[in-house]
Amino acid sequence: MDDSARLRVVIAEDNYLVREGIRRLLEDSGEVDVVACTADAPELLDAVRRFSPDAVLTDIRMPPGHHMEGIEAARAIRAAHPDTGVVVLSQHADESYALALFSAGSSGLGYLLKDRIGDLEDLVHALREVRTGGSVIDPHIVDTLVRRRSAGARNPLAELSARELDVLREMARGRTNAGIEQSLYLSSSTVEKHVNAIFTKLRLPATGVHRRVAAVLAFLQSDSRPAAGGEKQAGTGREAIQP
C-alpha cells in the first residue's frame, strides 16, 4: 500500500502485552503505522499533540483512575484535534459506556468491544471511518440498544421489520449501502428500499453517509432524556444531524 494511504495511529493501553499485541496486529496489516504507544491518558493526550495522528485507538479504562479515562480523552481529543478520529475499546458490553461516549456527538468516534480486536478488518475499518468523521458502534451494543428501544409499543423502532433491523445494525457499524449489500447478500435496490423505510419510520432524513450513523445513534440515545413528570420519551433523533 502507498505510504500516503496508511493510517497514522496512536495506541493507548496500560497492559503492555495487549498494547504490543495490538501494535503488531495493526502494523502487520500493512495499512497502519503506529506512531506512538502510550500507557495512560496524560501520555495519550501528549502523543496526539506531538504526532497529530489520523486516529487513536484507546482503552476505556486507564491510569490514573481506571474509570472512563478513554472516554474523557476521546472527548478532549475531538475538541482539540477535530481531524483525529478516536476508537474506544472496552471489555464491557454495558451500553451505558457507549452512550456516555456519544452523549456530546458521534462524529469521528467509535466504540468497539475488545473481542473485535481479533477481527483485523473490522478494526481497521473502524479506524478509517472515524478518521473521516464517521461513527462506528459495536454490533453487540447496537443489538442491546435495539432490543431495549423496541420493547415499547410506542417506539418507532418497534415498527421496523426484522430485515430493516439488520440493515440498521449495519448502518450503525458505519457501512455504506454497498457494504450492506455485501454483508447481508442483498441487491442494491433492496438495500436502498430498506434504508428509505428506516428513515421514514424513524422520521430521519435519508441523506449523508456519516450523518445517518449519527442520526441512528442520536435516536438510540433519545429516550434516555427524562420527560415532564419523570417519564422518558423518544425523541426525533434529529438533534445530532448537521445541515
C-alpha atoms as a PDB file:
ATOM      1  CA  MET A   1       0.000   0.000   0.000  1.00  0.00           C
ATOM      2  CA  ASP A   2       1.171   3.548  -0.771  1.00  0.00           C
ATOM      3  CA  ASP A   3       2.596   5.147   2.383  1.00  0.00           C
ATOM      4  CA  SER A   4       0.299   8.142   1.903  1.00  0.00           C
ATOM      5  CA  ALA A   5      -2.734   5.862   2.267  1.00  0.00           C
ATOM      6  CA  ARG A   6      -1.533   4.265   5.506  1.00  0.00           C
ATOM      7  CA  LEU A   7      -3.227   5.343   8.709  1.00  0.00           C
ATOM      8  CA  ARG A   8      -1.083   7.020  11.361  1.00  0.00           C
ATOM      9  CA  VAL A   9      -2.383   5.718  14.675  1.00  0.00           C
ATOM     10  CA  VAL A  10      -1.661   6.251  18.374  1.00  0.00           C
ATOM     11  CA  ILE A  11      -2.489   3.389  20.749  1.00  0.00           C
ATOM     12  CA  ALA A  12      -3.377   3.869  24.427  1.00  0.00           C
ATOM     13  CA  GLU A  13      -3.484   0.737  26.601  1.00  0.00           C
ATOM     14  CA  ASP A  14      -1.962   0.260  30.048  1.00  0.00           C
ATOM     15  CA  ASN A  15      -1.443  -3.506  29.664  1.00  0.00           C
ATOM     16  CA  TYR A  16       1.926  -3.952  27.947  1.00  0.00           C
ATOM     17  CA  LEU A  17       1.152  -7.321  26.355  1.00  0.00           C
ATOM     18  CA  VAL A  18      -2.207  -6.149  24.999  1.00  0.00           C
ATOM     19  CA  ARG A  19      -0.663  -2.895  23.774  1.00  0.00           C
ATOM     20  CA  GLU A  20       2.140  -4.675  21.934  1.00  0.00           C
ATOM     21  CA  GLY A  21      -0.255  -7.252  20.523  1.00  0.00           C
ATOM     22  CA  ILE A  22      -2.498  -4.554  19.065  1.00  0.00           C
ATOM     23  CA  ARG A  23       0.509  -2.665  17.684  1.00  0.00           C
ATOM     24  CA  ARG A  24       1.891  -5.708  15.884  1.00  0.00           C
ATOM     25  CA  LEU A  25      -1.533  -6.698  14.606  1.00  0.00           C
ATOM     26  CA  LEU A  26      -2.156  -3.265  13.099  1.00  0.00           C
ATOM     27  CA  GLU A  27       1.312  -2.861  11.644  1.00  0.00           C
ATOM     28  CA  ASP A  28       1.263  -6.355  10.148  1.00  0.00           C
ATOM     29  CA  SER A  29      -1.887  -5.360   8.243  1.00  0.00           C
ATOM     30  CA  GLY A  30       0.208  -3.119   6.009  1.00  0.00           C
ATOM     31  CA  GLU A  31      -2.443  -0.401   6.346  1.00  0.00           C
ATOM     32  CA  VAL A  32      -1.385   1.217   9.616  1.00  0.00           C
ATOM     33  CA  ASP A  33       1.687   2.974  11.007  1.00  0.00           C
ATOM     34  CA  VAL A  34       1.608   3.062  14.802  1.00  0.00           C
ATOM     35  CA  VAL A  35       3.379   6.342  15.570  1.00  0.00           C
ATOM     36  CA  ALA A  36       3.155   6.066  19.373  1.00  0.00           C
ATOM     37  CA  CYS A  37       2.073   3.683  22.130  1.00  0.00           C
ATOM     38  CA  THR A  38       1.022   5.106  25.487  1.00  0.00           C
ATOM     39  CA  ALA A  39       0.021   3.648  28.843  1.00  0.00           C
ATOM     40  CA  ASP A  40      -2.218   6.325  30.353  1.00  0.00           C
ATOM     41  CA  ALA A  41      -4.473   9.239  29.472  1.00  0.00           C
ATOM     42  CA  PRO A  42      -1.936  12.060  30.004  1.00  0.00           C
ATOM     43  CA  GLU A  43       0.589  10.268  27.776  1.00  0.00           C
ATOM     44  CA  LEU A  44      -2.116   9.773  25.153  1.00  0.00           C
ATOM     45  CA  LEU A  45      -3.062  13.443  25.045  1.00  0.00           C
ATOM     46  CA  ASP A  46       0.609  14.427  24.807  1.00  0.00           C
ATOM     47  CA  ALA A  47       1.225  11.948  21.955  1.00  0.00           C
ATOM     48  CA  VAL A  48      -1.742  13.268  19.996  1.00  0.00           C
ATOM     49  CA  ARG A  49      -0.456  16.812  20.439  1.00  0.00           C
ATOM     50  CA  ARG A  50       3.045  15.834  19.250  1.00  0.00           C
ATOM     51  CA  PHE A  51       2.216  13.449  16.392  1.00  0.00           C
ATOM     52  CA  SER A  52      -1.189  14.649  15.078  1.00  0.00           C
ATOM     53  CA  PRO A  53      -2.291  11.097  14.158  1.00  0.00           C
ATOM     54  CA  ASP A  54      -5.126  10.204  11.816  1.00  0.00           C
ATOM     55  CA  ALA A  55      -6.772   8.116  14.504  1.00  0.00           C
ATOM     56  CA  VAL A  56      -6.434   6.943  18.104  1.00  0.00           C
ATOM     57  CA  LEU A  57      -7.214   3.508  19.488  1.00  0.00           C
ATOM     58  CA  THR A  58      -7.688   3.738  23.244  1.00  0.00           C
ATOM     59  CA  ASP A  59      -8.774   1.511  26.097  1.00  0.00           C
ATOM     60  CA  ILE A  60     -11.771   2.795  28.017  1.00  0.00           C
ATOM     61  CA  ARG A  61     -10.108   2.381  31.433  1.00  0.00           C
ATOM     62  CA  MET A  62      -6.552   3.566  32.062  1.00  0.00           C
ATOM     63  CA  PRO A  63      -4.431   5.104  34.801  1.00  0.00           C
ATOM     64  CA  PRO A  64      -4.670   7.141  36.836  1.00  0.00           C
ATOM     65  CA  GLY A  65      -8.216   6.258  37.909  1.00  0.00           C
ATOM     66  CA  HIS A  66      -9.119   3.194  35.823  1.00  0.00           C
ATOM     67  CA  HIS A  67     -12.606   4.598  35.334  1.00  0.00           C
ATOM     68  CA  MET A  68     -13.547   6.186  31.986  1.00  0.00           C
ATOM     69  CA  GLU A  69     -10.295   7.919  31.086  1.00  0.00           C
ATOM     70  CA  GLY A  70     -10.559   6.683  27.495  1.00  0.00           C
ATOM     71  CA  ILE A  71     -13.937   8.361  27.006  1.00  0.00           C
ATOM     72  CA  GLU A  72     -12.750  11.583  28.632  1.00  0.00           C
ATOM     73  CA  ALA A  73      -9.618  11.558  26.478  1.00  0.00           C
ATOM     74  CA  ALA A  74     -11.685  10.905  23.347  1.00  0.00           C
ATOM     75  CA  ARG A  75     -13.806  13.968  24.034  1.00  0.00           C
ATOM     76  CA  ALA A  76     -10.731  16.107  24.677  1.00  0.00           C
ATOM     77  CA  ILE A  77      -9.025  14.876  21.508  1.00  0.00           C
ATOM     78  CA  ARG A  78     -12.051  15.511  19.313  1.00  0.00           C
ATOM     79  CA  ALA A  79     -12.413  19.025  20.764  1.00  0.00           C
ATOM     80  CA  ALA A  80      -8.755  19.991  20.334  1.00  0.00           C
ATOM     81  CA  HIS A  81      -7.907  17.921  17.235  1.00  0.00           C
ATOM     82  CA  PRO A  82     -11.024  17.599  15.057  1.00  0.00           C
ATOM     83  CA  ASP A  83      -9.060  15.869  12.275  1.00  0.00           C
ATOM     84  CA  THR A  84      -8.177  12.959  14.576  1.00  0.00           C
ATOM     85  CA  GLY A  85     -10.734  10.194  14.984  1.00  0.00           C
ATOM     86  CA  VAL A  86     -10.957   8.079  18.129  1.00  0.00           C
ATOM     87  CA  VAL A  87     -11.993   4.449  18.596  1.00  0.00           C
ATOM     88  CA  VAL A  88     -12.579   3.422  22.209  1.00  0.00           C
ATOM     89  CA  LEU A  89     -12.079  -0.242  23.092  1.00  0.00           C
ATOM     90  CA  SER A  90     -13.897  -1.795  26.023  1.00  0.00           C
ATOM     91  CA  GLN A  91     -14.386  -5.236  27.502  1.00  0.00           C
ATOM     92  CA  HIS A  92     -17.717  -4.047  28.887  1.00  0.00           C
ATOM     93  CA  ALA A  93     -20.871  -4.824  26.921  1.00  0.00           C
ATOM     94  CA  ASP A  94     -22.832  -2.327  29.034  1.00  0.00           C
ATOM     95  CA  GLU A  95     -24.324   0.104  26.536  1.00  0.00           C
ATOM     96  CA  SER A  96     -24.142   2.961  29.063  1.00  0.00           C
ATOM     97  CA  TYR A  97     -20.444   3.365  28.221  1.00  0.00           C
ATOM     98  CA  ALA A  98     -21.236   3.783  24.532  1.00  0.00           C
ATOM     99  CA  LEU A  99     -23.986   6.276  25.281  1.00  0.00           C
ATOM    100  CA  ALA A 100     -21.593   8.220  27.517  1.00  0.00           C
ATOM    101  CA  LEU A 101     -19.063   8.392  24.681  1.00  0.00           C
ATOM    102  CA  PHE A 102     -21.627   9.647  22.155  1.00  0.00           C
ATOM    103  CA  SER A 103     -23.522  11.931  24.549  1.00  0.00           C
ATOM    104  CA  ALA A 104     -21.988  15.113  23.096  1.00  0.00           C
ATOM    105  CA  GLY A 105     -21.997  13.962  19.463  1.00  0.00           C
ATOM    106  CA  SER A 106     -20.873  10.962  17.451  1.00  0.00           C
ATOM    107  CA  SER A 107     -18.749  12.445  14.641  1.00  0.00           C
ATOM    108  CA  GLY A 108     -15.284  10.896  14.491  1.00  0.00           C
ATOM    109  CA  LEU A 109     -15.949   8.468  17.343  1.00  0.00           C
ATOM    110  CA  GLY A 110     -16.163   4.702  17.545  1.00  0.00           C
ATOM    111  CA  TYR A 111     -16.917   2.218  20.321  1.00  0.00           C
ATOM    112  CA  LEU A 112     -15.866  -1.417  19.947  1.00  0.00           C
ATOM    113  CA  LEU A 113     -15.711  -4.327  22.328  1.00  0.00           C
ATOM    114  CA  LYS A 114     -12.228  -5.765  22.807  1.00  0.00           C
ATOM    115  CA  ASP A 115     -13.429  -9.003  21.245  1.00  0.00           C
ATOM    116  CA  ARG A 116     -13.310  -7.083  17.958  1.00  0.00           C
ATOM    117  CA  ILE A 117      -9.501  -6.849  18.154  1.00  0.00           C
ATOM    118  CA  GLY A 118      -9.292 -10.321  16.656  1.00  0.00           C
ATOM    119  CA  ASP A 119     -11.124  -9.139  13.531  1.00  0.00           C
ATOM    120  CA  LEU A 120      -8.465  -7.011  11.860  1.00  0.00           C
ATOM    121  CA  GLU A 121     -10.745  -5.980   9.009  1.00  0.00           C
ATOM    122  CA  ASP A 122     -13.356  -4.587  11.412  1.00  0.00           C
ATOM    123  CA  LEU A 123     -10.703  -2.820  13.474  1.00  0.00           C
ATOM    124  CA  VAL A 124      -9.040  -1.093  10.520  1.00  0.00           C
ATOM    125  CA  HIS A 125     -12.465  -0.267   9.061  1.00  0.00           C
ATOM    126  CA  ALA A 126     -13.403   1.473  12.316  1.00  0.00           C
ATOM    127  CA  LEU A 127     -10.176   3.493  12.337  1.00  0.00           C
ATOM    128  CA  ARG A 128     -10.729   4.596   8.733  1.00  0.00           C
ATOM    129  CA  GLU A 129     -14.340   5.563   9.444  1.00  0.00           C
ATOM    130  CA  VAL A 130     -13.552   7.789  12.424  1.00  0.00           C
ATOM    131  CA  ARG A 131     -10.662   9.371  10.541  1.00  0.00           C
ATOM    132  CA  THR A 132     -13.143  10.776   8.009  1.00  0.00           C
ATOM    133  CA  GLY A 133     -15.641  11.905  10.645  1.00  0.00           C
ATOM    134  CA  GLY A 134     -17.762   8.761  10.600  1.00  0.00           C
ATOM    135  CA  SER A 135     -19.031   6.810  13.573  1.00  0.00           C
ATOM    136  CA  VAL A 136     -18.885   3.124  14.436  1.00  0.00           C
ATOM    137  CA  ILE A 137     -20.556   1.261  17.265  1.00  0.00           C
ATOM    138  CA  ASP A 138     -20.086  -2.400  18.081  1.00  0.00           C
ATOM    139  CA  PRO A 139     -22.941  -4.500  16.660  1.00  0.00           C
ATOM    140  CA  HIS A 140     -23.395  -6.257  20.011  1.00  0.00           C
ATOM    141  CA  ILE A 141     -24.130  -2.901  21.650  1.00  0.00           C
ATOM    142  CA  VAL A 142     -26.472  -1.988  18.790  1.00  0.00           C
ATOM    143  CA  ASP A 143     -28.361  -5.252  19.302  1.00  0.00           C
ATOM    144  CA  THR A 144     -28.786  -4.491  23.012  1.00  0.00           C
ATOM    145  CA  LEU A 145     -29.976  -0.958  22.342  1.00  0.00           C
ATOM    146  CA  VAL A 146     -32.357  -2.016  19.599  1.00  0.00           C
ATOM    147  CA  ARG A 147     -33.932  -4.713  21.770  1.00  0.00           C
ATOM    148  CA  ARG A 148     -34.381  -2.278  24.642  1.00  0.00           C
ATOM    149  CA  ARG A 149     -35.789   0.520  22.490  1.00  0.00           C
ATOM    150  CA  SER A 150     -38.052  -1.910  20.634  1.00  0.00           C
ATOM    151  CA  ALA A 151     -39.700  -3.044  23.855  1.00  0.00           C
ATOM    152  CA  GLY A 152     -42.056  -0.078  23.977  1.00  0.00           C
ATOM    153  CA  ALA A 153     -45.021  -0.313  21.644  1.00  0.00           C
ATOM    154  CA  ARG A 154     -44.996   3.437  21.039  1.00  0.00           C
ATOM    155  CA  ASN A 155     -41.371   3.442  19.958  1.00  0.00           C
ATOM    156  CA  PRO A 156     -40.863   3.754  16.166  1.00  0.00           C
ATOM    157  CA  LEU A 157     -38.185   1.033  16.320  1.00  0.00           C
ATOM    158  CA  ALA A 158     -40.989  -1.415  17.061  1.00  0.00           C
ATOM    159  CA  GLU A 159     -42.291  -0.691  13.552  1.00  0.00           C
ATOM    160  CA  LEU A 160     -39.128  -1.928  11.833  1.00  0.00           C
ATOM    161  CA  SER A 161     -39.145  -5.339  10.219  1.00  0.00           C
ATOM    162  CA  ALA A 162     -36.516  -7.951  11.098  1.00  0.00           C
ATOM    163  CA  ARG A 163     -34.603  -7.220   7.891  1.00  0.00           C
ATOM    164  CA  GLU A 164     -34.806  -3.460   8.484  1.00  0.00           C
ATOM    165  CA  LEU A 165     -33.278  -4.025  11.914  1.00  0.00           C
ATOM    166  CA  ASP A 166     -30.480  -5.982  10.238  1.00  0.00           C
ATOM    167  CA  VAL A 167     -29.826  -3.046   7.917  1.00  0.00           C
ATOM    168  CA  LEU A 168     -29.972  -0.600  10.857  1.00  0.00           C
ATOM    169  CA  ARG A 169     -27.278  -2.583  12.674  1.00  0.00           C
ATOM    170  CA  GLU A 170     -25.048  -2.486   9.602  1.00  0.00           C
ATOM    171  CA  MET A 171     -25.646   1.255   9.239  1.00  0.00           C
ATOM    172  CA  ALA A 172     -24.588   1.776  12.857  1.00  0.00           C
ATOM    173  CA  ARG A 173     -21.365  -0.085  12.089  1.00  0.00           C
ATOM    174  CA  GLY A 174     -20.612   2.640   9.551  1.00  0.00           C
ATOM    175  CA  ARG A 175     -21.227   0.563   6.434  1.00  0.00           C
ATOM    176  CA  THR A 176     -22.246   2.221   3.180  1.00  0.00           C
ATOM    177  CA  ASN A 177     -25.081   0.802   1.093  1.00  0.00           C
ATOM    178  CA  ALA A 178     -22.519  -1.162  -0.911  1.00  0.00           C
ATOM    179  CA  GLY A 179     -21.091  -2.607   2.289  1.00  0.00           C
ATOM    180  CA  ILE A 180     -24.560  -3.598   3.471  1.00  0.00           C
ATOM    181  CA  GLU A 181     -25.203  -5.334   0.163  1.00  0.00           C
ATOM    182  CA  GLN A 182     -22.118  -7.493   0.650  1.00  0.00           C
ATOM    183  CA  SER A 183     -22.689  -8.140   4.346  1.00  0.00           C
ATOM    184  CA  LEU A 184     -26.362  -9.136   4.045  1.00  0.00           C
ATOM    185  CA  TYR A 185     -26.229 -10.504   0.480  1.00  0.00           C
ATOM    186  CA  LEU A 186     -28.886  -8.096  -0.744  1.00  0.00           C
ATOM    187  CA  SER A 187     -29.285  -6.263  -4.042  1.00  0.00           C
ATOM    188  CA  SER A 188     -28.623  -2.529  -4.210  1.00  0.00           C
ATOM    189  CA  SER A 189     -32.300  -1.781  -4.825  1.00  0.00           C
ATOM    190  CA  THR A 190     -33.346  -3.859  -1.808  1.00  0.00           C
ATOM    191  CA  VAL A 191     -30.854  -2.111   0.461  1.00  0.00           C
ATOM    192  CA  GLU A 192     -31.995   1.290  -0.778  1.00  0.00           C
ATOM    193  CA  LYS A 193     -35.609   0.329  -0.123  1.00  0.00           C
ATOM    194  CA  HIS A 194     -34.829  -0.786   3.436  1.00  0.00           C
ATOM    195  CA  VAL A 195     -32.745   2.320   4.187  1.00  0.00           C
ATOM    196  CA  ASN A 196     -35.506   4.611   2.968  1.00  0.00           C
ATOM    197  CA  ALA A 197     -38.052   2.679   5.027  1.00  0.00           C
ATOM    198  CA  ILE A 198     -35.896   3.002   8.131  1.00  0.00           C
ATOM    199  CA  PHE A 199     -35.543   6.748   7.797  1.00  0.00           C
ATOM    200  CA  THR A 200     -39.235   7.135   7.086  1.00  0.00           C
ATOM    201  CA  LYS A 201     -40.267   5.113  10.135  1.00  0.00           C
ATOM    202  CA  LEU A 202     -37.726   6.792  12.403  1.00  0.00           C
ATOM    203  CA  ARG A 203     -38.549  10.228  10.970  1.00  0.00           C
ATOM    204  CA  LEU A 204     -34.905  10.793   9.995  1.00  0.00           C
ATOM    205  CA  PRO A 205     -33.662  12.438   6.785  1.00  0.00           C
ATOM    206  CA  ALA A 206     -32.160   9.828   4.444  1.00  0.00           C
ATOM    207  CA  THR A 207     -29.169  11.899   3.335  1.00  0.00           C
ATOM    208  CA  GLY A 208     -25.462  11.617   4.066  1.00  0.00           C
ATOM    209  CA  VAL A 209     -23.447   8.533   4.932  1.00  0.00           C
ATOM    210  CA  HIS A 210     -21.893   9.760   8.168  1.00  0.00           C
ATOM    211  CA  ARG A 211     -24.880  11.861   9.201  1.00  0.00           C
ATOM    212  CA  ARG A 212     -27.136   8.834   9.007  1.00  0.00           C
ATOM    213  CA  VAL A 213     -24.962   6.985  11.525  1.00  0.00           C
ATOM    214  CA  ALA A 214     -25.046   9.986  13.832  1.00  0.00           C
ATOM    215  CA  ALA A 215     -28.827  10.108  13.434  1.00  0.00           C
ATOM    216  CA  VAL A 216     -29.212   6.436  14.339  1.00  0.00           C
ATOM    217  CA  LEU A 217     -27.041   6.867  17.409  1.00  0.00           C
ATOM    218  CA  ALA A 218     -28.914  10.015  18.433  1.00  0.00           C
ATOM    219  CA  PHE A 219     -32.212   8.177  18.085  1.00  0.00           C
ATOM    220  CA  LEU A 220     -30.973   5.244  20.174  1.00  0.00           C
ATOM    221  CA  GLN A 221     -29.972   7.678  22.908  1.00  0.00           C
ATOM    222  CA  SER A 222     -33.055   9.892  22.661  1.00  0.00           C
ATOM    223  CA  ASP A 223     -35.344   8.139  25.126  1.00  0.00           C
ATOM    224  CA  SER A 224     -32.738   8.355  27.898  1.00  0.00           C
ATOM    225  CA  ARG A 225     -33.708  12.014  28.489  1.00  0.00           C
ATOM    226  CA  PRO A 226     -36.321  12.496  31.207  1.00  0.00           C
ATOM    227  CA  ALA A 227     -39.604  13.989  30.086  1.00  0.00           C
ATOM    228  CA  ALA A 228     -42.029  16.071  32.111  1.00  0.00           C
ATOM    229  CA  GLY A 229     -43.334  14.203  35.140  1.00  0.00           C
ATOM    230  CA  GLY A 230     -40.232  11.982  35.330  1.00  0.00           C
ATOM    231  CA  GLU A 231     -41.222   9.727  32.427  1.00  0.00           C
ATOM    232  CA  LYS A 232     -38.999   9.062  29.434  1.00  0.00           C
ATOM    233  CA  GLN A 233     -39.930   9.806  25.882  1.00  0.00           C
ATOM    234  CA  ALA A 234     -38.459   9.070  22.500  1.00  0.00           C
ATOM    235  CA  GLY A 235     -37.056  11.981  20.519  1.00  0.00           C
ATOM    236  CA  THR A 236     -36.872  12.559  16.818  1.00  0.00           C
ATOM    237  CA  GLY A 237     -33.179  11.701  16.620  1.00  0.00           C
ATOM    238  CA  ARG A 238     -32.527  14.931  14.700  1.00  0.00           C
ATOM    239  CA  GLU A 239     -30.514  16.701  17.415  1.00  0.00           C
ATOM    240  CA  ALA A 240     -27.128  15.436  16.145  1.00  0.00           C
ATOM    241  CA  ILE A 241     -27.797  15.997  12.447  1.00  0.00           C
ATOM    242  CA  GLN A 242     -25.946  18.932  10.972  1.00  0.00           C
ATOM    243  CA  PRO A 243     -27.220  20.679   7.850  1.00  0.00           C
END
